[in-house]
PDB file of N, CA and C in Angstrom:
ATOM      1  N   MET A   1      99.581  64.646 114.972  1.00  0.00           N
ATOM      2  CA  MET A   1      99.893  65.172 116.279  1.00  0.00           C
ATOM      3  C   MET A   1     100.407  64.028 117.142  1.00  0.00           C
ATOM      4  N   PRO A   2     101.539  64.182 117.775  1.00  0.00           N
ATOM      5  CA  PRO A   2     102.115  63.089 118.550  1.00  0.00           C
ATOM      6  C   PRO A   2     101.209  62.541 119.643  1.00  0.00           C
ATOM      7  N   LEU A   3     100.445  63.371 120.304  1.00  0.00           N
ATOM      8  CA  LEU A   3      99.592  62.876 121.390  1.00  0.00           C
ATOM      9  C   LEU A   3      98.474  61.974 120.896  1.00  0.00           C
ATOM     10  N   ALA A   4      98.176  62.026 119.621  1.00  0.00           N
ATOM     11  CA  ALA A   4      97.122  61.165 119.081  1.00  0.00           C
ATOM     12  C   ALA A   4      97.445  59.696 119.324  1.00  0.00           C
ATOM     13  N   ASP A   5      98.738  59.336 119.323  1.00  0.00           N
ATOM     14  CA  ASP A   5      99.131  57.952 119.574  1.00  0.00           C
ATOM     15  C   ASP A   5      98.582  57.442 120.899  1.00  0.00           C
ATOM     16  N   LEU A   6      98.529  58.312 121.868  1.00  0.00           N
ATOM     17  CA  LEU A   6      98.028  57.935 123.193  1.00  0.00           C
ATOM     18  C   LEU A   6      96.596  57.418 123.122  1.00  0.00           C
ATOM     19  N   PHE A   7      95.803  57.979 122.228  1.00  0.00           N
ATOM     20  CA  PHE A   7      94.401  57.601 122.123  1.00  0.00           C
ATOM     21  C   PHE A   7      94.164  56.430 121.174  1.00  0.00           C
ATOM     22  N   PHE A   8      95.187  56.073 120.401  1.00  0.00           N
ATOM     23  CA  PHE A   8      95.047  54.954 119.475  1.00  0.00           C
ATOM     24  C   PHE A   8      95.527  53.624 120.043  1.00  0.00           C
ATOM     25  N   TRP A   9      96.225  53.634 121.178  1.00  0.00           N
ATOM     26  CA  TRP A   9      96.703  52.380 121.753  1.00  0.00           C
ATOM     27  C   TRP A   9      95.538  51.436 121.972  1.00  0.00           C
ATOM     28  N   GLY A  10      95.718  50.207 121.561  1.00  0.00           N
ATOM     29  CA  GLY A  10      94.687  49.197 121.764  1.00  0.00           C
ATOM     30  C   GLY A  10      93.590  49.215 120.718  1.00  0.00           C
ATOM     31  N   THR A  11      93.761  50.021 119.654  1.00  0.00           N
ATOM     32  CA  THR A  11      92.775  50.058 118.571  1.00  0.00           C
ATOM     33  C   THR A  11      93.399  49.424 117.331  1.00  0.00           C
ATOM     34  N   GLU A  12      92.603  49.316 116.260  1.00  0.00           N
ATOM     35  CA  GLU A  12      93.145  48.756 115.024  1.00  0.00           C
ATOM     36  C   GLU A  12      94.249  49.628 114.437  1.00  0.00           C
ATOM     37  N   ARG A  13      94.289  50.932 114.773  1.00  0.00           N
ATOM     38  CA  ARG A  13      95.344  51.815 114.253  1.00  0.00           C
ATOM     39  C   ARG A  13      96.663  51.619 114.988  1.00  0.00           C
ATOM     40  N   LEU A  14      96.605  51.184 116.227  1.00  0.00           N
ATOM     41  CA  LEU A  14      97.815  50.914 117.003  1.00  0.00           C
ATOM     42  C   LEU A  14      97.512  49.763 117.958  1.00  0.00           C
ATOM     43  N   PRO A  15      97.468  48.547 117.417  1.00  0.00           N
ATOM     44  CA  PRO A  15      97.115  47.392 118.231  1.00  0.00           C
ATOM     45  C   PRO A  15      98.169  47.132 119.312  1.00  0.00           C
ATOM     46  N   THR A  16      97.741  46.514 120.380  1.00  0.00           N
ATOM     47  CA  THR A  16      98.658  46.258 121.487  1.00  0.00           C
ATOM     48  C   THR A  16      99.810  45.351 121.087  1.00  0.00           C
ATOM     49  N   ASP A  17      99.640  44.523 120.050  1.00  0.00           N
ATOM     50  CA  ASP A  17     100.754  43.664 119.649  1.00  0.00           C
ATOM     51  C   ASP A  17     101.853  44.448 118.928  1.00  0.00           C
ATOM     52  N   ALA A  18     101.624  45.741 118.636  1.00  0.00           N
ATOM     53  CA  ALA A  18     102.682  46.596 118.094  1.00  0.00           C
ATOM     54  C   ALA A  18     103.689  46.967 119.186  1.00  0.00           C
ATOM     55  N   ILE A  19     103.286  46.817 120.443  1.00  0.00           N
ATOM     56  CA  ILE A  19     104.174  47.108 121.568  1.00  0.00           C
ATOM     57  C   ILE A  19     105.067  45.896 121.785  1.00  0.00           C
ATOM     58  N   LYS A  20     106.380  46.094 121.619  1.00  0.00           N
ATOM     59  CA  LYS A  20     107.354  44.997 121.742  1.00  0.00           C
ATOM     60  C   LYS A  20     107.704  44.709 123.197  1.00  0.00           C
ATOM     61  N   SER A  21     107.726  45.752 124.032  1.00  0.00           N
ATOM     62  CA  SER A  21     107.981  45.558 125.455  1.00  0.00           C
ATOM     63  C   SER A  21     107.379  46.728 126.229  1.00  0.00           C
ATOM     64  N   ALA A  22     107.092  46.464 127.485  1.00  0.00           N
ATOM     65  CA  ALA A  22     106.534  47.488 128.375  1.00  0.00           C
ATOM     66  C   ALA A  22     107.037  47.203 129.778  1.00  0.00           C
ATOM     67  N   GLN A  23     107.285  48.267 130.525  1.00  0.00           N
ATOM     68  CA  GLN A  23     107.711  48.067 131.903  1.00  0.00           C
ATOM     69  C   GLN A  23     107.324  49.262 132.749  1.00  0.00           C
ATOM     70  N   THR A  24     107.182  48.994 134.031  1.00  0.00           N
ATOM     71  CA  THR A  24     106.950  50.052 134.999  1.00  0.00           C
ATOM     72  C   THR A  24     108.309  50.549 135.452  1.00  0.00           C
ATOM     73  N   ILE A  25     108.558  51.837 135.289  1.00  0.00           N
ATOM     74  CA  ILE A  25     109.812  52.427 135.744  1.00  0.00           C
ATOM     75  C   ILE A  25     109.740  52.663 137.243  1.00  0.00           C
ATOM     76  N   GLY A  26     108.570  53.088 137.722  1.00  0.00           N
ATOM     77  CA  GLY A  26     108.386  53.304 139.154  1.00  0.00           C
ATOM     78  C   GLY A  26     107.713  54.624 139.442  1.00  0.00           C
ATOM     79  N   PRO A  27     107.721  54.995 140.712  1.00  0.00           N
ATOM     80  CA  PRO A  27     107.089  56.263 141.084  1.00  0.00           C
ATOM     81  C   PRO A  27     107.948  57.435 140.634  1.00  0.00           C
ATOM     82  N   GLY A  28     107.287  58.567 140.447  1.00  0.00           N
ATOM     83  CA  GLY A  28     107.989  59.785 140.059  1.00  0.00           C
ATOM     84  C   GLY A  28     107.149  61.001 140.394  1.00  0.00           C
ATOM     85  N   ARG A  29     107.588  62.147 139.919  1.00  0.00           N
ATOM     86  CA  ARG A  29     106.853  63.398 140.130  1.00  0.00           C
ATOM     87  C   ARG A  29     106.894  64.214 138.858  1.00  0.00           C
ATOM     88  N   VAL A  30     105.739  64.774 138.496  1.00  0.00           N
ATOM     89  CA  VAL A  30     105.622  65.710 137.382  1.00  0.00           C
ATOM     90  C   VAL A  30     104.824  66.890 137.913  1.00  0.00           C
ATOM     91  N   HIS A  31     105.336  68.087 137.751  1.00  0.00           N
ATOM     92  CA  HIS A  31     104.701  69.302 138.308  1.00  0.00           C
ATOM     93  C   HIS A  31     104.542  69.182 139.824  1.00  0.00           C
ATOM     94  N   GLY A  32     105.360  68.369 140.474  1.00  0.00           N
ATOM     95  CA  GLY A  32     105.243  68.162 141.918  1.00  0.00           C
ATOM     96  C   GLY A  32     104.194  67.137 142.303  1.00  0.00           C
ATOM     97  N   ASP A  33     103.471  66.595 141.323  1.00  0.00           N
ATOM     98  CA  ASP A  33     102.433  65.603 141.593  1.00  0.00           C
ATOM     99  C   ASP A  33     103.009  64.194 141.495  1.00  0.00           C
ATOM    100  N   ALA A  34     102.606  63.330 142.428  1.00  0.00           N
ATOM    101  CA  ALA A  34     103.039  61.939 142.412  1.00  0.00           C
ATOM    102  C   ALA A  34     102.460  61.235 141.188  1.00  0.00           C
ATOM    103  N   CYS A  35     103.282  60.413 140.551  1.00  0.00           N
ATOM    104  CA  CYS A  35     102.828  59.702 139.364  1.00  0.00           C
ATOM    105  C   CYS A  35     103.534  58.356 139.261  1.00  0.00           C
ATOM    106  N   ARG A  36     103.049  57.534 138.337  1.00  0.00           N
ATOM    107  CA  ARG A  36     103.689  56.270 137.969  1.00  0.00           C
ATOM    108  C   ARG A  36     104.276  56.461 136.573  1.00  0.00           C
ATOM    109  N   HIS A  37     105.508  56.011 136.405  1.00  0.00           N
ATOM    110  CA  HIS A  37     106.246  56.198 135.166  1.00  0.00           C
ATOM    111  C   HIS A  37     106.325  54.850 134.453  1.00  0.00           C
ATOM    112  N   TYR A  38     105.892  54.829 133.191  1.00  0.00           N
ATOM    113  CA  TYR A  38     105.883  53.614 132.376  1.00  0.00           C
ATOM    114  C   TYR A  38     106.695  53.847 131.112  1.00  0.00           C
ATOM    115  N   ALA A  39     107.265  52.762 130.569  1.00  0.00           N
ATOM    116  CA  ALA A  39     108.017  52.839 129.314  1.00  0.00           C
ATOM    117  C   ALA A  39     107.523  51.745 128.375  1.00  0.00           C
ATOM    118  N   TYR A  40     107.409  52.089 127.096  1.00  0.00           N
ATOM    119  CA  TYR A  40     106.921  51.169 126.064  1.00  0.00           C
ATOM    120  C   TYR A  40     107.868  51.234 124.878  1.00  0.00           C
ATOM    121  N   ARG A  41     108.084  50.110 124.233  1.00  0.00           N
ATOM    122  CA  ARG A  41     108.955  50.050 123.062  1.00  0.00           C
ATOM    123  C   ARG A  41     108.187  49.442 121.903  1.00  0.00           C
ATOM    124  N   GLN A  42     108.278  50.098 120.749  1.00  0.00           N
ATOM    125  CA  GLN A  42     107.719  49.599 119.499  1.00  0.00           C
ATOM    126  C   GLN A  42     108.857  49.473 118.492  1.00  0.00           C
ATOM    127  N   ALA A  43     108.547  49.094 117.267  1.00  0.00           N
ATOM    128  CA  ALA A  43     109.585  48.862 116.265  1.00  0.00           C
ATOM    129  C   ALA A  43     110.496  50.073 116.066  1.00  0.00           C
ATOM    130  N   ASP A  44     109.943  51.250 115.865  1.00  0.00           N
ATOM    131  CA  ASP A  44     110.761  52.422 115.548  1.00  0.00           C
ATOM    132  C   ASP A  44     110.566  53.584 116.499  1.00  0.00           C
ATOM    133  N   VAL A  45     109.894  53.328 117.617  1.00  0.00           N
ATOM    134  CA  VAL A  45     109.598  54.422 118.538  1.00  0.00           C
ATOM    135  C   VAL A  45     109.488  53.891 119.965  1.00  0.00           C
ATOM    136  N   ASP A  46     109.966  54.691 120.907  1.00  0.00           N
ATOM    137  CA  ASP A  46     109.806  54.398 122.328  1.00  0.00           C
ATOM    138  C   ASP A  46     108.905  55.467 122.940  1.00  0.00           C
ATOM    139  N   PHE A  47     108.090  55.059 123.910  1.00  0.00           N
ATOM    140  CA  PHE A  47     107.207  55.980 124.614  1.00  0.00           C
ATOM    141  C   PHE A  47     107.513  55.915 126.098  1.00  0.00           C
ATOM    142  N   GLN A  48     107.433  57.048 126.762  1.00  0.00           N
ATOM    143  CA  GLN A  48     107.419  57.083 128.220  1.00  0.00           C
ATOM    144  C   GLN A  48     106.147  57.816 128.610  1.00  0.00           C
ATOM    145  N   LEU A  49     105.450  57.297 129.594  1.00  0.00           N
ATOM    146  CA  LEU A  49     104.182  57.881 130.010  1.00  0.00           C
ATOM    147  C   LEU A  49     104.149  57.960 131.520  1.00  0.00           C
ATOM    148  N   CYS A  50     103.819  59.133 132.040  1.00  0.00           N
ATOM    149  CA  CYS A  50     103.665  59.329 133.481  1.00  0.00           C
ATOM    150  C   CYS A  50     102.193  59.614 133.754  1.00  0.00           C
ATOM    151  N   ILE A  51     101.598  58.809 134.637  1.00  0.00           N
ATOM    152  CA  ILE A  51     100.181  58.933 134.956  1.00  0.00           C
ATOM    153  C   ILE A  51     100.033  59.285 136.430  1.00  0.00           C
ATOM    154  N   ALA A  52      99.221  60.296 136.703  1.00  0.00           N
ATOM    155  CA  ALA A  52      99.024  60.768 138.072  1.00  0.00           C
ATOM    156  C   ALA A  52      98.458  59.661 138.956  1.00  0.00           C
ATOM    157  N   GLU A  53      98.914  59.636 140.191  1.00  0.00           N
ATOM    158  CA  GLU A  53      98.346  58.724 141.181  1.00  0.00           C
ATOM    159  C   GLU A  53      97.169  59.424 141.846  1.00  0.00           C
ATOM    160  N   GLY A  54      96.313  58.665 142.497  1.00  0.00           N
ATOM    161  CA  GLY A  54      95.206  59.254 143.243  1.00  0.00           C
ATOM    162  C   GLY A  54      93.884  59.113 142.529  1.00  0.00           C
ATOM    163  N   ASP A  55      92.955  60.005 142.871  1.00  0.00           N
ATOM    164  CA  ASP A  55      91.581  59.933 142.376  1.00  0.00           C
ATOM    165  C   ASP A  55      91.441  60.262 140.889  1.00  0.00           C
ATOM    166  N   HIS A  56      92.414  60.938 140.320  1.00  0.00           N
ATOM    167  CA  HIS A  56      92.326  61.359 138.922  1.00  0.00           C
ATOM    168  C   HIS A  56      93.575  60.888 138.168  1.00  0.00           C
ATOM    169  N   PRO A  57      93.613  59.622 137.752  1.00  0.00           N
ATOM    170  CA  PRO A  57      94.799  59.077 137.067  1.00  0.00           C
ATOM    171  C   PRO A  57      94.891  59.543 135.613  1.00  0.00           C
ATOM    172  N   LEU A  58      95.262  60.794 135.443  1.00  0.00           N
ATOM    173  CA  LEU A  58      95.367  61.392 134.116  1.00  0.00           C
ATOM    174  C   LEU A  58      96.830  61.430 133.678  1.00  0.00           C
ATOM    175  N   PRO A  59      97.086  61.385 132.370  1.00  0.00           N
ATOM    176  CA  PRO A  59      98.472  61.497 131.908  1.00  0.00           C
ATOM    177  C   PRO A  59      99.034  62.880 132.232  1.00  0.00           C
ATOM    178  N   LEU A  60     100.253  62.898 132.765  1.00  0.00           N
ATOM    179  CA  LEU A  60     100.915  64.156 133.104  1.00  0.00           C
ATOM    180  C   LEU A  60     102.092  64.458 132.191  1.00  0.00           C
ATOM    181  N   LYS A  61     102.709  63.402 131.648  1.00  0.00           N
ATOM    182  CA  LYS A  61     103.878  63.610 130.798  1.00  0.00           C
ATOM    183  C   LYS A  61     103.967  62.471 129.791  1.00  0.00           C
ATOM    184  N   LEU A  62     104.322  62.827 128.572  1.00  0.00           N
ATOM    185  CA  LEU A  62     104.535  61.850 127.513  1.00  0.00           C
ATOM    186  C   LEU A  62     105.817  62.228 126.789  1.00  0.00           C
ATOM    187  N   VAL A  63     106.696  61.243 126.617  1.00  0.00           N
ATOM    188  CA  VAL A  63     107.924  61.431 125.859  1.00  0.00           C
ATOM    189  C   VAL A  63     107.921  60.396 124.743  1.00  0.00           C
ATOM    190  N   ILE A  64     108.105  60.850 123.511  1.00  0.00           N
ATOM    191  CA  ILE A  64     108.155  59.965 122.351  1.00  0.00           C
ATOM    192  C   ILE A  64     109.544  60.095 121.745  1.00  0.00           C
ATOM    193  N   THR A  65     110.242  58.972 121.611  1.00  0.00           N
ATOM    194  CA  THR A  65     111.580  58.958 121.033  1.00  0.00           C
ATOM    195  C   THR A  65     111.552  58.154 119.740  1.00  0.00           C
ATOM    196  N   THR A  66     111.972  58.761 118.644  1.00  0.00           N
ATOM    197  CA  THR A  66     112.050  58.072 117.366  1.00  0.00           C
ATOM    198  C   THR A  66     113.386  57.338 117.328  1.00  0.00           C
ATOM    199  N   THR A  67     113.348  56.012 117.288  1.00  0.00           N
ATOM    200  CA  THR A  67     114.575  55.220 117.398  1.00  0.00           C
ATOM    201  C   THR A  67     115.127  54.754 116.062  1.00  0.00           C
ATOM    202  N   ASP A  68     114.419  54.997 114.964  1.00  0.00           N
ATOM    203  CA  ASP A  68     114.930  54.549 113.662  1.00  0.00           C
ATOM    204  C   ASP A  68     115.772  55.625 112.976  1.00  0.00           C
ATOM    205  N   GLN A  69     116.075  56.705 113.686  1.00  0.00           N
ATOM    206  CA  GLN A  69     116.949  57.747 113.167  1.00  0.00           C
ATOM    207  C   GLN A  69     118.159  57.859 114.083  1.00  0.00           C
ATOM    208  N   PRO A  70     119.352  58.077 113.537  1.00  0.00           N
ATOM    209  CA  PRO A  70     120.550  58.125 114.384  1.00  0.00           C
ATOM    210  C   PRO A  70     120.484  59.196 115.475  1.00  0.00           C
ATOM    211  N   GLU A  71     119.797  60.313 115.188  1.00  0.00           N
ATOM    212  CA  GLU A  71     119.714  61.411 116.175  1.00  0.00           C
ATOM    213  C   GLU A  71     118.749  61.084 117.316  1.00  0.00           C
ATOM    214  N   GLN A  72     117.870  60.133 117.109  1.00  0.00           N
ATOM    215  CA  GLN A  72     116.825  59.759 118.062  1.00  0.00           C
ATOM    216  C   GLN A  72     116.096  60.994 118.623  1.00  0.00           C
ATOM    217  N   PRO A  73     115.443  61.751 117.737  1.00  0.00           N
ATOM    218  CA  PRO A  73     114.736  62.954 118.204  1.00  0.00           C
ATOM    219  C   PRO A  73     113.619  62.579 119.176  1.00  0.00           C
ATOM    220  N   GLN A  74     113.353  63.506 120.089  1.00  0.00           N
ATOM    221  CA  GLN A  74     112.308  63.298 121.093  1.00  0.00           C
ATOM    222  C   GLN A  74     111.289  64.413 121.030  1.00  0.00           C
ATOM    223  N   TYR A  75     110.073  64.039 121.371  1.00  0.00           N
ATOM    224  CA  TYR A  75     108.990  64.999 121.577  1.00  0.00           C
ATOM    225  C   TYR A  75     108.528  64.796 123.008  1.00  0.00           C
ATOM    226  N   GLU A  76     108.425  65.866 123.762  1.00  0.00           N
ATOM    227  CA  GLU A  76     107.977  65.762 125.156  1.00  0.00           C
ATOM    228  C   GLU A  76     106.867  66.766 125.405  1.00  0.00           C
ATOM    229  N   VAL A  77     105.848  66.330 126.120  1.00  0.00           N
ATOM    230  CA  VAL A  77     104.782  67.229 126.525  1.00  0.00           C
ATOM    231  C   VAL A  77     104.460  66.959 127.993  1.00  0.00           C
ATOM    232  N   ARG A  78     104.249  68.032 128.723  1.00  0.00           N
ATOM    233  CA  ARG A  78     103.789  67.945 130.115  1.00  0.00           C
ATOM    234  C   ARG A  78     102.391  68.536 130.136  1.00  0.00           C
ATOM    235  N   MET A  79     101.471  67.773 130.674  1.00  0.00           N
ATOM    236  CA  MET A  79     100.062  68.169 130.634  1.00  0.00           C
ATOM    237  C   MET A  79      99.578  68.620 132.006  1.00  0.00           C
ATOM    238  N   THR A  80      98.742  69.633 131.990  1.00  0.00           N
ATOM    239  CA  THR A  80      98.048  70.061 133.203  1.00  0.00           C
ATOM    240  C   THR A  80      96.556  69.965 132.915  1.00  0.00           C
ATOM    241  N   TRP A  81      95.792  69.665 133.930  1.00  0.00           N
ATOM    242  CA  TRP A  81      94.357  69.423 133.774  1.00  0.00           C
ATOM    243  C   TRP A  81      93.578  70.334 134.702  1.00  0.00           C
ATOM    244  N   ASP A  82      92.559  70.967 134.165  1.00  0.00           N
ATOM    245  CA  ASP A  82      91.622  71.756 134.960  1.00  0.00           C
ATOM    246  C   ASP A  82      90.344  70.931 135.072  1.00  0.00           C
ATOM    247  N   LEU A  83      90.149  70.307 136.221  1.00  0.00           N
ATOM    248  CA  LEU A  83      88.996  69.423 136.401  1.00  0.00           C
ATOM    249  C   LEU A  83      87.734  70.155 136.833  1.00  0.00           C
ATOM    250  N   LYS A  84      87.847  71.444 137.080  1.00  0.00           N
ATOM    251  CA  LYS A  84      86.675  72.260 137.431  1.00  0.00           C
ATOM    252  C   LYS A  84      86.729  73.564 136.639  1.00  0.00           C
ATOM    253  N   PRO A  85      86.638  73.472 135.310  1.00  0.00           N
ATOM    254  CA  PRO A  85      86.726  74.697 134.508  1.00  0.00           C
ATOM    255  C   PRO A  85      85.498  75.585 134.711  1.00  0.00           C
ATOM    256  N   HIS A  86      85.721  76.865 134.569  1.00  0.00           N
ATOM    257  CA  HIS A  86      84.627  77.835 134.663  1.00  0.00           C
ATOM    258  C   HIS A  86      84.299  78.273 133.238  1.00  0.00           C
ATOM    259  N   LEU A  87      83.205  77.741 132.707  1.00  0.00           N
ATOM    260  CA  LEU A  87      82.796  78.032 131.340  1.00  0.00           C
ATOM    261  C   LEU A  87      81.494  78.819 131.339  1.00  0.00           C
ATOM    262  N   ALA A  88      81.407  79.788 130.457  1.00  0.00           N
ATOM    263  CA  ALA A  88      80.168  80.554 130.319  1.00  0.00           C
ATOM    264  C   ALA A  88      79.058  79.617 129.842  1.00  0.00           C
ATOM    265  N   ALA A  89      77.839  79.915 130.208  1.00  0.00           N
ATOM    266  CA  ALA A  89      76.702  79.069 129.863  1.00  0.00           C
ATOM    267  C   ALA A  89      76.553  78.878 128.355  1.00  0.00           C
ATOM    268  N   ASP A  90      76.961  79.858 127.568  1.00  0.00           N
ATOM    269  CA  ASP A  90      76.798  79.759 126.119  1.00  0.00           C
ATOM    270  C   ASP A  90      78.056  79.272 125.393  1.00  0.00           C
ATOM    271  N   THR A  91      79.025  78.759 126.104  1.00  0.00           N
ATOM    272  CA  THR A  91      80.279  78.323 125.493  1.00  0.00           C
ATOM    273  C   THR A  91      80.058  77.326 124.369  1.00  0.00           C
ATOM    274  N   PHE A  92      79.140  76.397 124.548  1.00  0.00           N
ATOM    275  CA  PHE A  92      78.921  75.347 123.555  1.00  0.00           C
ATOM    276  C   PHE A  92      77.616  75.532 122.783  1.00  0.00           C
ATOM    277  N   THR A  93      77.101  76.748 122.756  1.00  0.00           N
ATOM    278  CA  THR A  93      75.903  77.047 121.985  1.00  0.00           C
ATOM    279  C   THR A  93      76.311  77.344 120.548  1.00  0.00           C
ATOM    280  N   PHE A  94      75.726  76.614 119.621  1.00  0.00           N
ATOM    281  CA  PHE A  94      76.052  76.816 118.209  1.00  0.00           C
ATOM    282  C   PHE A  94      75.264  77.994 117.666  1.00  0.00           C
ATOM    283  N   THR A  95      75.973  78.929 117.067  1.00  0.00           N
ATOM    284  CA  THR A  95      75.354  80.059 116.383  1.00  0.00           C
ATOM    285  C   THR A  95      75.803  79.990 114.933  1.00  0.00           C
ATOM    286  N   PRO A  96      74.886  79.613 114.030  1.00  0.00           N
ATOM    287  CA  PRO A  96      75.297  79.478 112.624  1.00  0.00           C
ATOM    288  C   PRO A  96      75.660  80.832 112.031  1.00  0.00           C
ATOM    289  N   PRO A  97      76.614  80.830 111.112  1.00  0.00           N
ATOM    290  CA  PRO A  97      76.978  82.090 110.458  1.00  0.00           C
ATOM    291  C   PRO A  97      75.842  82.545 109.542  1.00  0.00           C
ATOM    292  N   PRO A  98      75.845  83.814 109.170  1.00  0.00           N
ATOM    293  CA  PRO A  98      74.810  84.303 108.257  1.00  0.00           C
ATOM    294  C   PRO A  98      74.817  83.492 106.959  1.00  0.00           C
ATOM    295  N   LYS A  99      73.667  83.272 106.412  1.00  0.00           N
ATOM    296  CA  LYS A  99      73.457  82.539 105.157  1.00  0.00           C
ATOM    297  C   LYS A  99      73.785  81.045 105.260  1.00  0.00           C
ATOM    298  N   ALA A 100      73.952  80.530 106.460  1.00  0.00           N
ATOM    299  CA  ALA A 100      74.209  79.094 106.620  1.00  0.00           C
ATOM    300  C   ALA A 100      72.939  78.317 106.290  1.00  0.00           C
ATOM    301  N   LEU A 101      73.117  77.157 105.703  1.00  0.00           N
ATOM    302  CA  LEU A 101      71.992  76.293 105.362  1.00  0.00           C
ATOM    303  C   LEU A 101      72.100  74.991 106.140  1.00  0.00           C
ATOM    304  N   PRO A 102      70.967  74.415 106.505  1.00  0.00           N
ATOM    305  CA  PRO A 102      71.040  73.134 107.223  1.00  0.00           C
ATOM    306  C   PRO A 102      71.507  72.018 106.288  1.00  0.00           C
ATOM    307  N   VAL A 103      72.147  71.015 106.868  1.00  0.00           N
ATOM    308  CA  VAL A 103      72.599  69.849 106.112  1.00  0.00           C
ATOM    309  C   VAL A 103      71.572  68.753 106.330  1.00  0.00           C
ATOM    310  N   THR A 104      71.084  68.211 105.234  1.00  0.00           N
ATOM    311  CA  THR A 104      70.109  67.131 105.311  1.00  0.00           C
ATOM    312  C   THR A 104      70.849  65.804 105.159  1.00  0.00           C
ATOM    313  N   PHE A 105      70.639  64.910 106.093  1.00  0.00           N
ATOM    314  CA  PHE A 105      71.287  63.608 106.049  1.00  0.00           C
ATOM    315  C   PHE A 105      70.299  62.569 105.548  1.00  0.00           C
ATOM    316  N   ARG A 106      70.782  61.714 104.664  1.00  0.00           N
ATOM    317  CA  ARG A 106      69.962  60.605 104.196  1.00  0.00           C
ATOM    318  C   ARG A 106      70.037  59.490 105.226  1.00  0.00           C
ATOM    319  N   PRO A 107      68.951  58.743 105.403  1.00  0.00           N
ATOM    320  CA  PRO A 107      69.024  57.607 106.322  1.00  0.00           C
ATOM    321  C   PRO A 107      69.989  56.553 105.769  1.00  0.00           C
ATOM    322  N   MET A 108      70.702  55.908 106.673  1.00  0.00           N
ATOM    323  CA  MET A 108      71.628  54.855 106.265  1.00  0.00           C
ATOM    324  C   MET A 108      70.852  53.576 106.025  1.00  0.00           C
ATOM    325  N   PRO A 109      71.265  52.791 105.024  1.00  0.00           N
ATOM    326  CA  PRO A 109      70.593  51.509 104.799  1.00  0.00           C
ATOM    327  C   PRO A 109      70.897  50.565 105.960  1.00  0.00           C
ATOM    328  N   PRO A 110      69.986  49.669 106.257  1.00  0.00           N
ATOM    329  CA  PRO A 110      70.230  48.729 107.354  1.00  0.00           C
ATOM    330  C   PRO A 110      71.432  47.840 107.040  1.00  0.00           C
ATOM    331  N   VAL A 111      72.138  47.454 108.090  1.00  0.00           N
ATOM    332  CA  VAL A 111      73.314  46.598 107.959  1.00  0.00           C
ATOM    333  C   VAL A 111      72.867  45.159 108.197  1.00  0.00           C
ATOM    334  N   ALA A 112      73.304  44.272 107.325  1.00  0.00           N
ATOM    335  CA  ALA A 112      72.958  42.850 107.488  1.00  0.00           C
ATOM    336  C   ALA A 112      73.621  42.309 108.733  1.00  0.00           C
ATOM    337  N   ALA A 113      72.959  41.435 109.446  1.00  0.00           N
ATOM    338  CA  ALA A 113      73.476  40.849 110.674  1.00  0.00           C
ATOM    339  C   ALA A 113      74.803  40.155 110.405  1.00  0.00           C
ATOM    340  N   GLY A 114      75.783  40.408 111.275  1.00  0.00           N
ATOM    341  CA  GLY A 114      77.071  39.750 111.157  1.00  0.00           C
ATOM    342  C   GLY A 114      78.027  40.398 110.188  1.00  0.00           C
ATOM    343  N   LYS A 115      77.638  41.510 109.556  1.00  0.00           N
ATOM    344  CA  LYS A 115      78.535  42.213 108.632  1.00  0.00           C
ATOM    345  C   LYS A 115      78.793  43.621 109.157  1.00  0.00           C
ATOM    346  N   PRO A 116      80.052  44.085 109.052  1.00  0.00           N
ATOM    347  CA  PRO A 116      80.378  45.432 109.538  1.00  0.00           C
ATOM    348  C   PRO A 116      79.825  46.533 108.652  1.00  0.00           C
TER     349      PRO A 116
END
């Protein structure tokens, strides 16, 4: 899923040194909301990210451009956020299906100090 890249930045799966350049494009608007527009370049892909200004700096728009293909296809998503969702009290209550059995987990062996 293209948006997964957003959550991998700065991790071992997408280290920050994979980013070849980054710049602030400036202020903008997405869905009429004020945002800051950023651009990032990697070896074979460019990203544009718009983040809302104000008390809730959430991503509002992401554009991913594949630059290693002559057509340079793009994927774009515009995000909306519901910060006060109305959820039923039982929304996250687990109800096992009929004939379900519990899973028994074995304890993990202790990890030696200094080893992952």
